């Protein structure tokens, strides 16, 4: 359980750091293509971080997650 807590805390830290980085780009009035790509990447990273947290919690409770491309 301690290992789960450490992994979840690390994911939360990454999500919060990415969220902070996202905020710095979001409020730029005229965004370049690079900034738009960065926003997309930040959103994907946040989504993946939350998904990883949920997977770790389910796994720790013995709930199987079916692997799928969707």
N, C-alpha and C. Protein backbone atom coordinates (compact mmCIF):
# COMPACT_ATOMS: atom_id res chain seq x y z
N UNK A 1 0.82 -1.20 0.00
CA UNK A 1 0.00 0.00 0.00
C UNK A 1 0.87 1.27 0.00
N UNK A 2 2.02 1.19 0.66
CA UNK A 2 2.93 2.33 0.68
C UNK A 2 3.45 2.60 -0.72
N UNK A 3 3.74 1.51 -1.45
CA UNK A 3 4.23 1.65 -2.82
C UNK A 3 3.17 2.32 -3.70
N UNK A 4 1.93 1.93 -3.54
CA UNK A 4 0.83 2.54 -4.30
C UNK A 4 0.75 4.03 -3.98
N UNK A 5 0.83 4.35 -2.71
CA UNK A 5 0.75 5.76 -2.30
C UNK A 5 1.87 6.58 -2.94
N UNK A 6 3.08 6.04 -2.95
CA UNK A 6 4.21 6.74 -3.56
C UNK A 6 4.01 6.94 -5.05
N UNK A 7 3.53 5.90 -5.73
CA UNK A 7 3.31 5.99 -7.18
C UNK A 7 2.21 7.00 -7.50
N UNK A 8 1.12 6.97 -6.73
CA UNK A 8 0.02 7.90 -6.96
C UNK A 8 0.48 9.34 -6.68
N UNK A 9 1.20 9.53 -5.60
CA UNK A 9 1.71 10.87 -5.28
C UNK A 9 2.63 11.39 -6.37
N UNK A 10 3.46 10.52 -6.92
CA UNK A 10 4.37 10.93 -8.00
C UNK A 10 3.57 11.33 -9.24
N UNK A 11 2.52 10.57 -9.57
CA UNK A 11 1.68 10.91 -10.72
C UNK A 11 0.96 12.25 -10.49
N UNK A 12 0.45 12.43 -9.28
CA UNK A 12 -0.23 13.69 -8.96
C UNK A 12 0.73 14.86 -9.10
N UNK A 13 1.94 14.68 -8.61
CA UNK A 13 2.96 15.74 -8.73
C UNK A 13 3.22 16.07 -10.21
N UNK A 14 3.33 15.04 -11.04
CA UNK A 14 3.55 15.26 -12.47
C UNK A 14 2.37 15.97 -13.12
N UNK A 15 1.15 15.56 -12.75
CA UNK A 15 -0.04 16.19 -13.31
C UNK A 15 -0.09 17.67 -12.92
N UNK A 16 0.18 17.96 -11.66
CA UNK A 16 0.14 19.35 -11.20
C UNK A 16 1.23 20.21 -11.85
N UNK A 17 2.40 19.63 -12.04
CA UNK A 17 3.48 20.35 -12.71
C UNK A 17 3.11 20.64 -14.16
N UNK A 18 2.52 19.65 -14.82
CA UNK A 18 2.10 19.82 -16.21
C UNK A 18 0.97 20.84 -16.30
N UNK A 19 0.07 20.82 -15.34
CA UNK A 19 -1.02 21.79 -15.31
C UNK A 19 -0.47 23.21 -15.18
N UNK A 20 0.54 23.37 -14.36
CA UNK A 20 1.17 24.68 -14.20
C UNK A 20 1.80 25.14 -15.51
N UNK A 21 2.49 24.23 -16.18
CA UNK A 21 3.10 24.55 -17.47
C UNK A 21 2.03 24.90 -18.51
N UNK A 22 0.94 24.17 -18.48
CA UNK A 22 -0.17 24.43 -19.40
C UNK A 22 -0.72 25.84 -19.21
N UNK A 23 -0.89 26.25 -17.98
CA UNK A 23 -1.43 27.58 -17.70
C UNK A 23 -0.55 28.69 -18.28
N UNK A 24 0.76 28.48 -18.29
CA UNK A 24 1.64 29.52 -18.82
C UNK A 24 1.45 29.71 -20.31
N UNK A 25 1.09 28.66 -21.01
CA UNK A 25 0.90 28.75 -22.46
C UNK A 25 -0.54 29.15 -22.82
N UNK A 26 -1.49 28.71 -22.01
CA UNK A 26 -2.89 28.98 -22.32
C UNK A 26 -3.22 30.46 -22.43
N UNK A 27 -2.60 31.26 -21.61
CA UNK A 27 -2.95 32.67 -21.54
C UNK A 27 -2.16 33.56 -22.50
N UNK A 28 -1.38 32.94 -23.38
CA UNK A 28 -0.72 33.69 -24.44
C UNK A 28 -1.78 34.05 -25.46
N UNK A 29 -1.88 35.34 -25.79
CA UNK A 29 -2.97 35.78 -26.66
C UNK A 29 -2.89 35.19 -28.06
N UNK A 30 -1.75 35.38 -28.73
CA UNK A 30 -1.56 34.82 -30.08
C UNK A 30 -0.60 33.65 -29.96
N UNK A 31 -1.14 32.47 -30.18
CA UNK A 31 -0.32 31.27 -30.01
C UNK A 31 0.30 30.84 -31.33
N UNK A 32 1.55 30.44 -31.27
CA UNK A 32 2.24 29.88 -32.44
C UNK A 32 1.84 28.41 -32.57
N UNK A 33 2.21 27.81 -33.68
CA UNK A 33 1.95 26.39 -33.88
C UNK A 33 2.66 25.54 -32.82
N UNK A 34 3.83 25.97 -32.42
CA UNK A 34 4.58 25.25 -31.39
C UNK A 34 3.83 25.33 -30.06
N UNK A 35 3.29 26.48 -29.74
CA UNK A 35 2.54 26.63 -28.49
C UNK A 35 1.26 25.80 -28.52
N UNK A 36 0.60 25.74 -29.66
CA UNK A 36 -0.59 24.91 -29.79
C UNK A 36 -0.25 23.44 -29.62
N UNK A 37 0.87 23.03 -30.19
CA UNK A 37 1.33 21.64 -30.03
C UNK A 37 1.66 21.36 -28.56
N UNK A 38 2.26 22.34 -27.90
CA UNK A 38 2.59 22.17 -26.48
C UNK A 38 1.31 22.01 -25.65
N UNK A 39 0.29 22.79 -25.96
CA UNK A 39 -0.99 22.67 -25.24
C UNK A 39 -1.56 21.27 -25.41
N UNK A 40 -1.54 20.77 -26.64
CA UNK A 40 -2.06 19.42 -26.90
C UNK A 40 -1.27 18.38 -26.12
N UNK A 41 0.03 18.53 -26.08
CA UNK A 41 0.89 17.59 -25.36
C UNK A 41 0.63 17.66 -23.86
N UNK A 42 0.49 18.86 -23.33
CA UNK A 42 0.20 19.02 -21.90
C UNK A 42 -1.12 18.35 -21.55
N UNK A 43 -2.15 18.56 -22.37
CA UNK A 43 -3.45 17.95 -22.10
C UNK A 43 -3.37 16.42 -22.14
N UNK A 44 -2.63 15.90 -23.11
CA UNK A 44 -2.44 14.46 -23.21
C UNK A 44 -1.71 13.92 -21.98
N UNK A 45 -0.69 14.62 -21.54
CA UNK A 45 0.06 14.19 -20.36
C UNK A 45 -0.80 14.20 -19.10
N UNK A 46 -1.66 15.20 -18.96
CA UNK A 46 -2.55 15.25 -17.81
C UNK A 46 -3.53 14.09 -17.86
N UNK A 47 -4.12 13.86 -19.02
CA UNK A 47 -5.05 12.74 -19.19
C UNK A 47 -4.37 11.42 -18.85
N UNK A 48 -3.17 11.20 -19.39
CA UNK A 48 -2.44 9.96 -19.14
C UNK A 48 -2.10 9.80 -17.66
N UNK A 49 -1.75 10.90 -17.01
CA UNK A 49 -1.43 10.84 -15.58
C UNK A 49 -2.63 10.41 -14.76
N UNK A 50 -3.79 10.97 -15.06
CA UNK A 50 -5.01 10.60 -14.34
C UNK A 50 -5.37 9.14 -14.64
N UNK A 51 -5.23 8.76 -15.89
CA UNK A 51 -5.49 7.37 -16.26
C UNK A 51 -4.56 6.42 -15.52
N UNK A 52 -3.28 6.77 -15.40
CA UNK A 52 -2.32 5.93 -14.68
C UNK A 52 -2.70 5.79 -13.21
N UNK A 53 -3.15 6.87 -12.60
CA UNK A 53 -3.57 6.81 -11.20
C UNK A 53 -4.73 5.84 -11.05
N UNK A 54 -5.73 5.98 -11.91
CA UNK A 54 -6.89 5.10 -11.83
C UNK A 54 -6.50 3.64 -12.04
N UNK A 55 -5.63 3.37 -13.00
CA UNK A 55 -5.17 2.00 -13.26
C UNK A 55 -4.45 1.42 -12.05
N UNK A 56 -3.58 2.23 -11.41
CA UNK A 56 -2.84 1.74 -10.26
C UNK A 56 -3.76 1.41 -9.09
N UNK A 57 -4.77 2.25 -8.87
CA UNK A 57 -5.72 2.00 -7.79
C UNK A 57 -6.51 0.73 -8.08
N UNK A 58 -7.00 0.59 -9.30
CA UNK A 58 -7.76 -0.61 -9.65
C UNK A 58 -6.91 -1.87 -9.51
N UNK A 59 -5.67 -1.79 -9.99
CA UNK A 59 -4.76 -2.94 -9.90
C UNK A 59 -4.51 -3.32 -8.44
N UNK A 60 -4.34 -2.31 -7.58
CA UNK A 60 -4.07 -2.58 -6.17
C UNK A 60 -5.26 -3.26 -5.49
N UNK A 61 -6.45 -3.08 -6.06
CA UNK A 61 -7.67 -3.69 -5.50
C UNK A 61 -8.01 -5.01 -6.20
N UNK A 62 -7.12 -5.45 -7.08
CA UNK A 62 -7.31 -6.73 -7.75
C UNK A 62 -8.31 -6.69 -8.88
N UNK A 63 -8.62 -5.52 -9.36
CA UNK A 63 -9.58 -5.38 -10.47
C UNK A 63 -8.80 -5.40 -11.77
N UNK A 64 -9.13 -6.35 -12.63
CA UNK A 64 -8.42 -6.48 -13.90
C UNK A 64 -8.89 -5.43 -14.89
N UNK A 65 -7.95 -4.92 -15.64
CA UNK A 65 -8.24 -3.95 -16.68
C UNK A 65 -7.93 -4.61 -18.00
N UNK A 66 -8.91 -4.66 -18.87
CA UNK A 66 -8.69 -5.25 -20.18
C UNK A 66 -7.93 -4.28 -21.05
N UNK A 67 -6.92 -4.78 -21.72
CA UNK A 67 -6.13 -3.95 -22.63
C UNK A 67 -6.86 -3.80 -23.95
N UNK A 68 -6.89 -2.59 -24.44
CA UNK A 68 -7.59 -2.32 -25.70
C UNK A 68 -7.00 -1.08 -26.33
N UNK A 69 -7.06 -1.01 -27.63
CA UNK A 69 -6.57 0.17 -28.34
C UNK A 69 -7.49 1.36 -28.10
N UNK A 70 -8.73 1.09 -27.73
CA UNK A 70 -9.69 2.16 -27.47
C UNK A 70 -9.87 2.33 -26.00
